[in-house]
Structure formats: structure tokens, C-alpha cells
Protein backbone atom coordinates (compact mmCIF):
# COMPACT_ATOMS: atom_id res chain seq x y z
CA MET A 1 67.07 -74.17 0.31
CA ALA A 2 65.67 -70.69 -0.36
CA ILE A 3 66.47 -68.22 -3.13
CA VAL A 4 67.49 -64.81 -1.78
CA THR A 5 67.63 -62.16 -4.51
CA VAL A 6 69.84 -59.23 -3.52
CA ASN A 7 69.72 -56.17 -5.80
CA GLY A 8 68.76 -58.48 -8.67
CA THR A 9 71.38 -61.19 -8.04
CA ALA A 10 70.16 -64.58 -6.78
CA TYR A 11 71.87 -66.42 -3.90
CA THR A 12 70.91 -69.66 -2.16
CA ALA A 13 70.60 -69.97 1.60
CA ALA A 14 69.35 -72.57 4.01
CA GLU A 15 66.11 -71.70 5.77
CA GLY A 16 66.92 -70.18 9.14
CA THR A 17 70.01 -68.36 7.82
CA ARG A 18 70.28 -64.79 9.02
CA LEU A 19 70.36 -62.26 6.21
CA GLY A 20 73.33 -60.57 7.88
CA LYS A 21 75.37 -63.77 7.69
CA LEU A 22 74.56 -64.24 4.01
CA LEU A 23 75.34 -60.62 3.13
CA ALA A 24 78.60 -60.78 5.07
CA GLU A 25 79.73 -63.99 3.40
CA GLU A 26 79.01 -62.49 -0.02
CA GLN A 27 80.85 -59.29 1.01
CA LEU A 28 77.76 -57.20 0.35
CA MET A 29 77.47 -55.52 3.74
CA GLY A 30 79.46 -54.78 6.84
CA MET A 31 78.01 -54.56 10.35
CA PRO A 32 79.94 -52.25 12.69
CA CYS A 33 78.55 -53.84 15.85
CA GLY A 34 79.32 -57.36 14.64
CA GLY A 35 75.70 -58.25 14.04
CA HIS A 36 74.58 -57.86 17.65
CA GLY A 37 71.66 -55.53 16.87
CA ARG A 38 73.20 -52.48 18.54
CA CYS A 39 74.15 -50.05 15.76
CA GLY A 40 71.15 -50.28 13.42
CA LYS A 41 73.37 -49.85 10.36
CA CYS A 42 72.44 -53.06 8.53
CA LYS A 43 69.07 -51.76 7.35
CA VAL A 44 67.74 -53.43 4.20
CA MET A 45 64.43 -53.45 2.31
CA VAL A 46 62.92 -56.95 2.37
CA GLN A 47 59.98 -58.61 0.66
CA GLY A 48 59.07 -62.28 0.82
CA ASP A 49 59.42 -65.06 3.35
CA VAL A 50 61.42 -63.92 6.35
CA SER A 51 61.03 -64.10 10.12
CA ALA A 52 58.73 -61.77 12.05
CA LEU A 53 59.96 -58.47 13.41
CA SER A 54 62.15 -58.89 16.49
CA ASP A 55 61.96 -56.76 19.63
CA THR A 56 65.32 -55.26 18.68
CA GLU A 57 63.96 -54.13 15.32
CA ARG A 58 60.85 -52.64 16.91
CA ARG A 59 63.11 -50.63 19.21
CA ILE A 60 65.56 -49.40 16.55
CA LEU A 61 63.39 -48.94 13.46
CA SER A 62 60.92 -46.09 13.12
CA LYS A 63 57.22 -46.68 12.45
CA GLU A 64 57.70 -45.36 8.90
CA GLU A 65 60.63 -47.70 8.23
CA ILE A 66 58.68 -50.71 9.45
CA GLU A 67 55.75 -49.78 7.21
CA GLU A 68 58.13 -49.49 4.23
CA GLY A 69 59.53 -52.98 4.81
CA VAL A 70 62.87 -52.00 6.30
CA ARG A 71 64.54 -54.73 8.39
CA LEU A 72 67.82 -55.22 10.25
CA ALA A 73 69.78 -57.88 8.38
CA CYS A 74 71.37 -59.13 11.60
CA CYS A 75 67.94 -59.89 13.11
CA THR A 76 66.14 -61.25 10.05
CA GLU A 77 66.06 -64.97 9.21
CA VAL A 78 65.33 -66.42 5.80
CA THR A 79 62.24 -68.67 5.92
CA GLY A 80 61.74 -68.99 2.15
CA ASP A 81 62.33 -67.13 -1.11
CA CYS A 82 62.75 -63.38 -0.59
CA GLN A 83 63.98 -60.21 -2.26
CA VAL A 84 66.45 -57.84 -0.61
CA HIS A 85 67.41 -54.34 -1.67
CA LEU A 86 70.38 -52.59 -0.16
CA ALA A 87 71.91 -49.25 -1.06
CA GLY A 88 75.36 -50.58 -0.41
CA GLU A 89 78.32 -48.49 0.71
CA SER A 90 81.35 -48.43 -1.54
CA ALA A 91 84.86 -47.68 -0.38
CA GLY A 92 84.17 -44.24 -1.80
CA GLN A 93 86.63 -41.47 -1.14
CA ILE A 94 89.67 -43.43 -0.05
CA ARG A 95 93.06 -42.11 -1.07
CA VAL A 96 94.72 -45.23 -2.40
CA LEU A 97 98.33 -44.06 -2.52
CA GLY A 98 100.32 -41.44 -0.67
CA ASP A 99 103.63 -39.64 -0.97
CA MET A 100 106.63 -41.77 -1.82
CA PRO A 101 110.27 -40.61 -2.16
CA ASP A 102 112.39 -41.39 -5.20
CA ILE A 103 113.92 -44.86 -4.88
CA SER A 104 116.39 -47.03 -6.73
CA LEU A 105 114.72 -49.96 -8.46
CA ASN A 106 115.52 -53.49 -7.30
CA PRO A 107 112.09 -55.15 -7.74
CA ALA A 108 111.02 -58.24 -5.81
CA PHE A 109 109.23 -59.52 -8.94
CA ARG A 110 109.94 -60.16 -12.62
CA GLU A 111 106.85 -58.86 -14.44
CA TYR A 112 104.21 -57.27 -12.22
CA GLY A 113 103.94 -56.66 -8.49
CA PHE A 114 100.98 -56.23 -6.14
CA VAL A 115 100.83 -54.29 -2.85
CA LEU A 116 97.98 -54.46 -0.34
CA ASP A 117 97.26 -52.47 2.82
CA ILE A 118 94.82 -54.27 5.11
CA GLY A 119 93.28 -51.53 7.19
CA THR A 120 90.77 -52.21 9.93
CA THR A 121 88.09 -50.36 7.96
CA THR A 122 89.37 -50.33 4.37
CA LEU A 123 91.57 -52.24 1.95
CA ALA A 124 93.77 -50.44 -0.58
CA ALA A 125 95.93 -51.98 -3.30
CA CYS A 126 98.15 -51.05 -6.25
CA LEU A 127 99.73 -52.79 -9.22
CA TYR A 128 103.22 -51.96 -10.55
CA ASP A 129 105.29 -53.04 -13.53
CA VAL A 130 108.96 -53.95 -13.37
CA ASN A 131 109.95 -50.39 -14.30
CA GLY A 132 108.27 -49.04 -11.19
CA LYS A 133 105.29 -47.59 -13.03
CA LEU A 134 102.01 -47.49 -11.12
CA LEU A 135 99.50 -49.21 -13.41
CA ALA A 136 96.29 -49.24 -11.34
CA GLY A 137 94.86 -48.73 -7.87
CA SER A 138 91.84 -50.11 -6.04
CA SER A 139 90.08 -49.75 -2.70
CA ARG A 140 87.11 -51.24 -0.90
CA LEU A 141 85.71 -51.75 2.56
CA ASN A 142 87.31 -54.48 4.66
CA PRO A 143 84.73 -57.31 4.64
CA GLN A 144 85.82 -58.29 8.15
CA SER A 145 83.69 -55.38 9.38
CA SER A 146 80.84 -57.89 9.35
CA TRP A 147 82.40 -59.26 12.54
CA GLY A 148 82.77 -55.80 14.10
CA ALA A 149 84.21 -52.37 13.35
CA ASP A 150 87.28 -52.64 15.62
CA VAL A 151 90.15 -55.06 16.17
CA ILE A 152 88.90 -56.15 19.60
CA SER A 153 85.59 -57.34 18.13
CA ARG A 154 87.46 -59.33 15.50
CA ILE A 155 89.86 -60.86 17.99
CA GLU A 156 86.84 -62.00 20.01
CA ALA A 157 85.23 -63.39 16.84
CA ALA A 158 88.42 -65.27 15.94
CA LEU A 159 88.63 -66.79 19.41
CA GLY A 160 84.99 -67.77 19.07
CA GLY A 161 85.71 -69.88 15.98
CA ALA A 162 85.49 -67.34 13.15
CA ASP A 163 89.25 -67.28 12.50
CA ALA A 164 89.00 -69.14 9.18
CA GLY A 165 86.09 -66.98 8.04
CA LEU A 166 87.97 -63.78 8.86
CA ALA A 167 91.01 -64.90 6.85
CA GLN A 168 88.93 -66.08 3.91
CA ALA A 169 86.98 -62.82 3.79
CA VAL A 170 90.13 -60.76 3.26
CA CYS A 171 91.60 -63.28 0.80
CA ARG A 172 88.42 -63.21 -1.31
CA ALA A 173 88.48 -59.42 -1.32
CA ALA A 174 92.19 -59.39 -2.24
CA ASP A 175 91.54 -61.85 -5.07
CA ALA A 176 88.78 -59.59 -6.39
CA MET A 177 91.14 -56.61 -6.24
CA LEU A 178 93.83 -58.58 -8.06
CA SER A 179 91.38 -59.34 -10.87
CA GLU A 180 90.24 -55.71 -10.99
CA LEU A 181 93.79 -54.35 -11.13
CA ALA A 182 94.93 -56.90 -13.71
CA ALA A 183 91.94 -56.13 -15.93
CA GLY A 184 92.65 -52.42 -15.63
CA ALA A 185 96.23 -52.96 -16.73
CA GLY A 186 95.26 -55.36 -19.53
CA ILE A 187 97.18 -58.34 -18.12
CA GLY A 188 96.36 -61.71 -16.59
CA THR A 189 96.64 -62.25 -12.84
CA GLU A 190 99.07 -65.11 -13.52
CA GLN A 191 101.58 -62.46 -14.65
CA ILE A 192 101.65 -60.93 -11.17
CA ASP A 193 104.65 -62.67 -9.62
CA GLY A 194 105.42 -60.76 -6.45
CA ALA A 195 103.48 -59.11 -3.62
CA VAL A 196 103.86 -57.15 -0.39
CA ILE A 197 101.17 -56.90 2.28
CA THR A 198 101.09 -54.42 5.15
CA GLY A 199 98.56 -53.84 7.91
CA ASN A 200 98.31 -53.62 11.65
CA THR A 201 99.46 -56.56 13.75
CA VAL A 202 95.94 -57.90 14.35
CA MET A 203 95.06 -57.77 10.65
CA LEU A 204 98.19 -59.76 9.74
CA HIS A 205 97.48 -62.32 12.47
CA LEU A 206 93.94 -62.81 11.14
CA LEU A 207 95.15 -62.98 7.53
CA THR A 208 97.70 -65.69 8.27
CA GLY A 209 95.51 -67.70 10.63
CA THR A 210 97.92 -66.98 13.49
CA SER A 211 96.27 -67.21 16.90
CA ALA A 212 95.21 -63.78 18.12
CA GLU A 213 94.73 -65.08 21.69
CA PRO A 214 97.91 -63.38 23.07
CA LEU A 215 96.58 -60.07 21.68
CA SER A 216 93.40 -60.34 23.74
CA HIS A 217 94.95 -59.77 27.17
CA ALA A 218 97.94 -58.28 28.97
CA PRO A 219 100.87 -58.32 28.35
CA PHE A 220 99.66 -58.21 24.71
CA ALA A 221 102.57 -60.14 23.21
CA ALA A 222 102.18 -60.88 19.50
CA LYS A 223 102.71 -64.44 18.26
CA ARG A 224 104.47 -63.09 15.16
CA LEU A 225 105.94 -59.75 14.19
CA PHE A 226 106.29 -60.83 10.55
CA GLY A 227 108.93 -59.26 8.30
CA GLU A 228 108.87 -62.59 6.49
CA THR A 229 108.16 -64.10 3.09
CA VAL A 230 105.42 -66.69 2.57
CA SER A 231 103.74 -68.14 -0.50
CA ALA A 232 100.39 -67.05 -1.90
CA GLY A 233 99.23 -70.65 -1.51
CA GLU A 234 99.97 -70.60 2.23
CA LEU A 235 97.84 -67.48 2.63
CA GLY A 236 94.96 -68.80 0.54
CA LEU A 237 95.27 -66.12 -2.15
CA LYS A 238 93.82 -67.80 -5.24
CA GLY A 239 94.33 -64.80 -7.50
CA LEU A 240 98.09 -65.46 -7.54
CA ARG A 241 100.02 -68.57 -8.50
CA PRO A 242 100.48 -70.70 -5.35
CA ASP A 243 104.27 -70.31 -5.39
CA THR A 244 104.21 -66.51 -5.70
CA GLU A 245 106.32 -64.91 -2.97
CA VAL A 246 104.40 -62.58 -0.65
CA TYR A 247 106.37 -60.41 1.78
CA LEU A 248 104.54 -59.57 5.01
CA ALA A 249 105.90 -56.26 6.30
CA PRO A 250 107.35 -56.10 9.84
CA CYS A 251 105.46 -55.02 12.96
CA ALA A 252 107.03 -53.46 16.05
CA ALA A 253 104.63 -54.79 18.70
CA ALA A 254 101.15 -56.16 19.34
CA PHE A 255 99.44 -52.87 18.57
CA VAL A 256 102.18 -51.08 16.63
CA GLY A 257 101.84 -52.67 13.25
CA ALA A 258 103.47 -52.97 9.89
CA ASP A 259 101.23 -50.19 8.58
CA LEU A 260 102.99 -47.70 10.88
CA MET A 261 106.41 -49.08 9.94
CA THR A 262 105.78 -48.80 6.21
CA ALA A 263 104.26 -45.32 6.65
CA ALA A 264 107.40 -44.28 8.54
CA LEU A 265 109.46 -45.64 5.65
CA ALA A 266 107.44 -43.67 3.10
CA GLY A 267 107.55 -40.51 5.22
CA GLY A 268 111.32 -40.82 5.56
CA ILE A 269 111.26 -39.79 9.20
CA CYS A 270 114.11 -42.12 10.20
CA ARG A 271 116.33 -40.61 7.51
CA SER A 272 115.90 -37.09 8.90
CA SER A 273 118.20 -35.18 11.21
CA ARG A 274 115.18 -33.32 12.59
CA THR A 275 112.58 -34.34 15.17
CA GLN A 276 109.52 -35.58 13.32
CA LEU A 277 106.19 -37.05 14.37
CA LEU A 278 104.01 -39.36 12.26
CA VAL A 279 100.36 -39.97 13.18
CA ASP A 280 97.92 -42.31 11.47
CA VAL A 281 94.47 -41.15 12.58
CA GLY A 282 92.50 -44.35 12.17
CA THR A 283 90.48 -46.89 14.10
CA ASN A 284 93.71 -48.02 15.77
CA GLY A 285 95.51 -44.67 16.02
CA GLU A 286 99.23 -45.32 15.70
CA MET A 287 102.07 -42.83 16.00
CA ALA A 288 105.84 -42.73 15.67
CA LEU A 289 108.29 -40.10 16.91
CA TRP A 290 111.82 -39.82 15.51
CA HIS A 291 114.18 -37.91 17.80
CA GLY A 292 117.92 -38.06 18.38
CA GLY A 293 118.33 -41.25 16.38
CA GLU A 294 115.62 -43.06 18.37
CA LEU A 295 112.20 -44.20 17.18
CA TYR A 296 109.41 -44.05 19.78
CA CYS A 297 106.05 -45.65 18.95
CA CYS A 298 102.65 -46.18 20.51
CA SER A 299 99.04 -46.84 19.59
CA THR A 300 95.74 -45.62 20.99
CA ALA A 301 92.38 -47.35 20.76
CA ALA A 302 90.64 -44.37 19.18
CA GLY A 303 87.75 -46.46 17.85
CA PRO A 304 86.08 -46.09 14.49
CA ALA A 305 84.27 -42.76 15.03
CA PHE A 306 86.41 -40.96 12.46
CA GLU A 307 85.66 -43.74 9.99
CA GLY A 308 81.94 -43.04 10.42
CA ALA A 309 81.19 -46.11 12.56
CA GLY A 310 79.65 -45.63 15.99
CA ILE A 311 78.09 -42.32 14.85
CA SER A 312 74.29 -42.34 14.50
CA MET A 313 74.36 -41.13 10.90
CA GLY A 314 78.00 -41.92 10.24
CA MET A 315 79.18 -43.51 7.00
CA GLY A 316 82.29 -43.84 4.88
CA GLY A 317 83.30 -41.30 2.26
CA SER A 318 80.67 -42.47 -0.22
CA PRO A 319 78.18 -40.55 -2.38
CA GLY A 320 75.69 -38.83 -0.11
CA ALA A 321 78.15 -38.28 2.73
CA VAL A 322 78.55 -34.82 4.21
CA ASP A 323 82.33 -34.36 3.99
CA LYS A 324 82.78 -30.63 4.69
CA VAL A 325 80.98 -28.26 7.05
CA TRP A 326 81.50 -24.53 7.62
CA VAL A 327 79.80 -21.54 9.24
CA GLU A 328 78.25 -18.93 6.97
CA ASP A 329 76.33 -15.97 8.42
CA GLY A 330 76.11 -17.75 11.74
CA ARG A 331 74.54 -20.87 10.23
CA LEU A 332 75.92 -24.24 9.19
CA SER A 333 76.60 -24.93 5.53
CA ALA A 334 77.78 -28.26 4.17
CA HIS A 335 79.09 -30.06 1.10
CA VAL A 336 77.85 -33.50 0.08
CA LEU A 337 80.01 -35.93 -1.89
CA ASP A 338 79.02 -36.30 -5.54
CA GLY A 339 76.28 -33.69 -5.11
CA CYS A 340 73.80 -36.35 -3.97
CA SER A 341 71.04 -35.96 -1.45
CA PRO A 342 72.64 -36.14 2.02
CA LYS A 343 72.45 -39.59 3.63
CA GLY A 344 75.01 -39.40 6.43
CA ILE A 345 78.30 -37.88 7.50
CA CYS A 346 81.87 -39.18 7.07
CA GLY A 347 84.99 -38.59 9.18
CA SER A 348 86.16 -35.29 7.74
CA GLY A 349 82.62 -33.93 7.99
CA ILE A 350 82.33 -35.06 11.60
CA VAL A 351 85.46 -33.11 12.58
CA ASP A 352 84.22 -30.02 10.71
CA ALA A 353 80.73 -30.29 12.18
CA VAL A 354 81.93 -30.47 15.78
CA ALA A 355 84.29 -27.53 15.22
CA CYS A 356 81.45 -25.49 13.73
CA LEU A 357 79.01 -26.41 16.51
CA LEU A 358 81.61 -25.16 18.98
CA GLU A 359 81.98 -21.95 16.99
CA ILE A 360 78.26 -21.14 17.00
CA GLY A 361 77.79 -22.22 20.62
CA ARG A 362 75.62 -25.28 20.06
CA ILE A 363 78.03 -27.33 22.19
CA ASP A 364 80.36 -26.08 24.92
CA GLU A 365 83.92 -27.03 25.86
CA THR A 366 82.65 -30.00 27.91
CA GLY A 367 80.78 -31.38 24.90
CA TYR A 368 77.37 -30.56 26.39
CA MET A 369 74.63 -30.00 23.83
CA GLU A 370 71.52 -28.38 25.31
CA GLU A 371 69.23 -29.24 22.41
CA GLU A 372 69.62 -32.38 20.33
CA PRO A 373 70.03 -33.41 17.69
CA ALA A 374 72.10 -30.70 16.00
CA VAL A 375 71.03 -30.64 12.36
CA ILE A 376 74.01 -30.33 10.01
CA MET A 377 72.12 -30.61 6.72
CA PRO A 378 68.66 -32.19 6.76
CA PRO A 379 68.24 -35.05 7.46
CA VAL A 380 71.85 -35.41 8.69
CA SER A 381 72.40 -34.54 12.34
CA LEU A 382 74.63 -35.24 15.35
CA THR A 383 73.41 -36.34 18.77
CA ARG A 384 74.90 -35.91 22.23
CA LYS A 385 76.11 -39.51 22.03
CA ASP A 386 77.84 -38.76 18.72
CA VAL A 387 79.68 -35.82 20.26
CA ARG A 388 80.74 -38.04 23.15
CA MET A 389 82.11 -40.62 20.71
CA VAL A 390 84.15 -37.88 19.01
CA GLN A 391 85.45 -36.75 22.40
CA LEU A 392 86.58 -40.27 23.27
CA ALA A 393 88.34 -40.72 19.93
CA LYS A 394 90.02 -37.33 19.72
CA GLY A 395 91.01 -37.47 23.39
CA ALA A 396 92.81 -40.78 22.80
CA ILE A 397 94.73 -39.48 19.77
CA HIS A 398 95.73 -36.18 21.39
CA ALA A 399 96.68 -37.82 24.68
CA GLY A 400 98.79 -40.38 22.82
CA ILE A 401 100.72 -37.62 21.07
CA ARG A 402 101.31 -35.72 24.32
CA THR A 403 102.42 -38.87 26.16
CA LEU A 404 104.81 -39.87 23.37
CA LEU A 405 106.40 -36.41 23.46
CA PHE A 406 106.58 -36.40 27.27
CA ARG A 407 108.35 -39.78 27.41
CA ALA A 408 110.92 -38.51 24.90
CA GLY A 409 111.44 -35.36 26.97
CA LEU A 410 109.93 -33.07 24.35
CA GLU A 411 107.32 -30.36 23.93
CA PRO A 412 105.16 -29.89 20.81
CA GLU A 413 107.34 -26.90 19.89
CA ASP A 414 110.32 -29.26 19.51
CA VAL A 415 108.68 -31.12 16.61
CA SER A 416 109.76 -29.77 13.23
CA GLN A 417 107.07 -31.56 11.24
CA LEU A 418 103.89 -33.52 11.89
CA LEU A 419 103.12 -36.07 9.18
CA ILE A 420 99.49 -37.18 8.91
CA ALA A 421 99.00 -40.58 7.28
CA GLY A 422 95.97 -42.65 6.40
CA GLY A 423 92.96 -42.28 4.14
CA PHE A 424 90.95 -40.23 6.65
CA GLY A 425 93.88 -37.87 7.26
CA SER A 426 94.03 -37.04 3.55
CA TYR A 427 90.74 -35.13 3.76
CA LEU A 428 91.12 -33.71 7.25
CA ASN A 429 90.76 -29.95 7.77
CA ALA A 430 93.85 -29.35 9.90
CA GLU A 431 92.56 -26.13 11.49
CA ASN A 432 89.35 -27.83 12.61
CA ALA A 433 91.34 -30.80 13.91
CA GLY A 434 93.27 -28.35 16.07
CA ARG A 435 90.09 -26.51 17.05
CA ILE A 436 88.43 -29.60 18.53
CA GLY A 437 91.68 -30.84 20.08
CA LEU A 438 92.20 -33.88 17.87
CA LEU A 439 95.75 -32.60 17.29
CA PRO A 440 97.80 -30.17 19.42
CA ALA A 441 97.13 -26.67 18.10
CA GLU A 442 100.87 -25.89 18.24
CA LEU A 443 101.53 -28.54 15.59
CA VAL A 444 98.80 -27.56 13.10
CA PRO A 445 101.08 -25.13 11.15
CA ARG A 446 103.66 -27.92 10.76
CA ILE A 447 101.36 -30.55 9.30
CA ARG A 448 102.30 -32.42 6.13
CA VAL A 449 99.69 -34.81 4.77
CA ILE A 450 101.26 -37.90 3.16
CA GLY A 451 98.11 -39.86 2.27
CA ASN A 452 98.19 -43.64 2.52
CA GLY A 453 101.80 -43.84 3.68
CA ALA A 454 101.33 -47.47 4.69
CA LEU A 455 100.64 -48.50 1.10
CA SER A 456 103.38 -46.23 -0.28
CA GLY A 457 105.90 -47.80 2.10
CA ALA A 458 104.72 -51.28 1.09
CA ALA A 459 105.32 -50.27 -2.54
CA MET A 460 108.89 -49.30 -1.60
CA LEU A 461 109.39 -52.79 -0.14
CA LEU A 462 108.08 -54.24 -3.40
CA LEU A 463 110.13 -52.06 -5.75
CA ASN A 464 113.40 -52.22 -3.81
CA ARG A 465 114.27 -55.37 -1.88
CA GLU A 466 117.03 -53.53 -0.03
CA SER A 467 114.52 -51.32 1.78
CA ARG A 468 113.20 -54.36 3.65
CA ALA A 469 116.28 -54.54 5.86
CA SER A 470 115.93 -50.91 6.98
CA CYS A 471 112.21 -51.35 7.65
CA GLU A 472 112.86 -54.49 9.71
CA SER A 473 115.63 -52.66 11.58
CA SER A 474 113.31 -49.76 12.44
CA ALA A 475 110.62 -52.16 13.68
CA GLY A 476 113.14 -54.13 15.73
CA ARG A 477 114.68 -51.16 17.50
CA ALA A 478 111.50 -49.15 18.09
CA LYS A 479 110.86 -48.13 21.69
CA VAL A 480 107.22 -49.03 22.19
CA LEU A 481 105.20 -47.28 24.87
CA GLU A 482 102.32 -49.16 26.49
CA LEU A 483 99.78 -46.40 27.04
CA SER A 484 97.21 -48.53 28.86
CA THR A 485 99.42 -48.59 31.97
CA ASP A 486 100.97 -45.13 31.58
CA PRO A 487 99.76 -42.66 34.25
CA VAL A 488 100.72 -39.71 32.03
CA PHE A 489 98.40 -40.99 29.31
CA ALA A 490 95.56 -41.50 31.79
CA GLU A 491 95.90 -37.92 33.01
CA GLU A 492 96.25 -36.49 29.52
CA TYR A 493 93.27 -38.48 28.28
CA MET A 494 90.95 -36.95 30.85
CA GLU A 495 92.23 -33.47 30.06
CA ARG A 496 92.06 -33.86 26.27
CA MET A 497 88.43 -34.98 26.39
CA MET A 498 87.56 -31.30 26.68
CA PHE A 499 87.15 -29.20 23.57
């Protein structure tokens, strides 16, 4: 066995173990490409006994990086004792909770209750007391990102034998969040006697060890749509007593998850007499339209570009991330989180940057960039490939909205309010989102940002048992559109790729 010291903490690993595997198991690093040596985002500084540079590393790393001892964790094997330094990316600027209407208390716990939103990219959690008081909140990156940044990569990993590892990774992270929240509130985790978990359908399948095989191919029929109560022991949550009841929020379909249903609950769209649209701009972009007493839903595979993954210098909303960009005197100006030296660019900054590059003529309506890269704030820049990734993501979201409206017989002008949910949406510049075509320009003046509506809705299910029936009813009666076979979506997608 070898001793691998990571940022001063010693770990043991068998010789031949890949550093990426060790870092993933210890929840120290995520790898957007699933450790296949494609994204180059698992760079670490290494000294000691490790394998020789691979061809992949020679291709991805610069001469200067190689000379400084930078390696790709996914390509580097431990051959003896070594020291690893990594900057580490925290969950950073994630809005833990969103808007929540006033509710009558009928708690599903006796002392303290825990809510968790399992997002594809991030985890967010809150702790409440029996009087409905929010005691503490917590967020962190989803450790499953070590198997890939999107749900398809994780489904493939689960089918390849990583199903137990995927479930355990989230449970370990949830246990750590439970301890953190309990400590912040000055209580013991054994006093937490009720919980609600929301997330998209894939995340809940992976959490519960339910086979994701039916989600990997048409007709994409989920094994379970949840809306059920299980014990913490069944899930493998060790931070709670084994008999603690955990309610898993209901999903509507294979790719219309509980996160959308709980966000709809928090947004109150199904209690409105007006036509309302809810959009969660995330890795798995989900949307719900309430019109004439009917709930229409769909999801689009937007990909993780707006979460920073898949972008050459993309990152989460952590210190050093460019999060705002604007044009001043014909030149780009930018803001960096925490006033640090710029290291990369996060989702809100990406939207701003593309809008500004359009404004100053560095890219045209087709996305063509004559000279690359486009420097946003040295050393942070965007490449032609980055712009293409943004086009693919924003085209999917916009086309999904247009298709949903078309199938309900509506135009954007018929929507009284557009609710934007999700952590990324909380920091989105709405005008720039309209400028690049991420959202229909007609709806920009009607935007209401509700933050992490999925977690807020989960909190409603925790604090009032009666709300579970209405949430399950909404999920059960939702009219789900399958966009992958919809010719309107295909046509809209091609059109909405343009800026």
C-alpha cells in the first residue's frame, strides 16, 4: 500500500490505483468527462512515485504545466508514496433556498427535519425545527460528477457496475451535510427524525439503487416514480437513525423529475388562474406550463454548459470565477467572485460574455468567431467550441419552451409569468438571456426568479404532510411531452441555435 498525501491529509491506496479514482472516492474532485481524459479538468500538482506521463496528458497539458508537475488525475497511477495538491472547487455561489409561500404547519417530524435536493451538478440541503424555522442550510458539488457531468454518463456508469458506488457517494455527502447542519444548529443528528428528498428521476433511481436500465433507451419508462416513504436505513443514510422516515418526492416521468414537481409546488403555478410557465435552467432543463387547469411538462438535454462543465475554462460559482461581464467603452469588463484573481468562468458569466461578444461584433448571429480565443479577462477566454456548446444548450432550452407552448396552443404573449428556478437561474441576467436566445425575448419582462424552488417545495412537503397529496396529484396528471420524437422541437431547435 502507498501513502497519498492530498493537501496535507494522508490516504492509503493500492499501487496501481488511479489518482482520479482515489480523489473521487474521497469526494475531493469531480471529473466532468467521467475520467476518460477528454476534458482536462482534473489537473493536480503531483510529486513522488506515480506513473509516467501518458500520451493523453502530453496532448492536453502545456509544456509549462508539465514542467511544473501538473498531471491529469484520471491518467495518473499511484506507484508509491506521493504528494498531491489540488485547488479544489467548492459548491461556491449556490442559492440554497428559494421562494416559498406561507403554509400551515403539519410537520412530518417531531423535533427536526431535513430536506435534500439532489441536483445533477450540486446538492443543497436545509434543516428545520418543528415550528417551521429554518435553522441552517448547506450546499456542495454532487460527488457523482466523478462518473460524468450529465445523467447519461451516470446511467452508463451504473449499468457498467458502478451503481453501488454512485448511491454511496451521494449518501456519504448527505451524511456530511447532516452533520454540518446539525452542528450549525447545535443539535445531534439523532434528533433529526424526518426527511424529504427531491431530485430528478435519474438521481432518485441512483440514490435508491433502482435499475436505471429502462432510462437508457426508448421508450424511457422509469422503474419508479416515487412519491413514497422509505427508511433511512434502506437508503444507506448513516447520519439518521435507521428507522427515520424519508419521503421521496414524486416524479412525473423518466426525465420529468421530482425536482420540477416540487419547484412547481413552491412556485404555486397550479394554484393560479393565470397561464404560467416554470423553467429550471440546469443540466437537465425541465419546464412546466400551467394553462386552463392542465399541467404540461417536458425536459431538454441542455447539457452542463451553464454549470461550467464542457467549457474550456468553465467552473462553478466559486472564488475566482468570472460571474458578470459587461461592455464599457466598447471593451469587455468583468467581475470576479470574491475579488480573487480570475481562474475561470461560471454559468452566469458565460451568458453575459456571449451576449457582450455579440454586442461588440466578436461573434455573429451564427456563432462564428473569426479570431479565437475571445479574451474575457486575462487569462479567462472563450473558444469557438465554447460558443458552440452554449448554442447547443440555449437552443435546447428555448426550443423546449416554444414546443411546450405550441402543443398547448399558446404563444409567448399568452404567458402571464415566467418563473425561473434553480441555482444557476438565481444569478442569471435576464436581459442577456433574452439577447442570446436562451429565453424568448417576449417573456423577459415577465420573469420572476424563485431560486431553488425544488428545495423550497421539498421543505413544504416536510413541513405540511397534506401538501404531499397535491404534489403527487400534479405529478400523476401531468401531460408529458417527449421532445426527442417531436418534429416541432426538431425544427425549433435548429432555428434557436442562432443568436
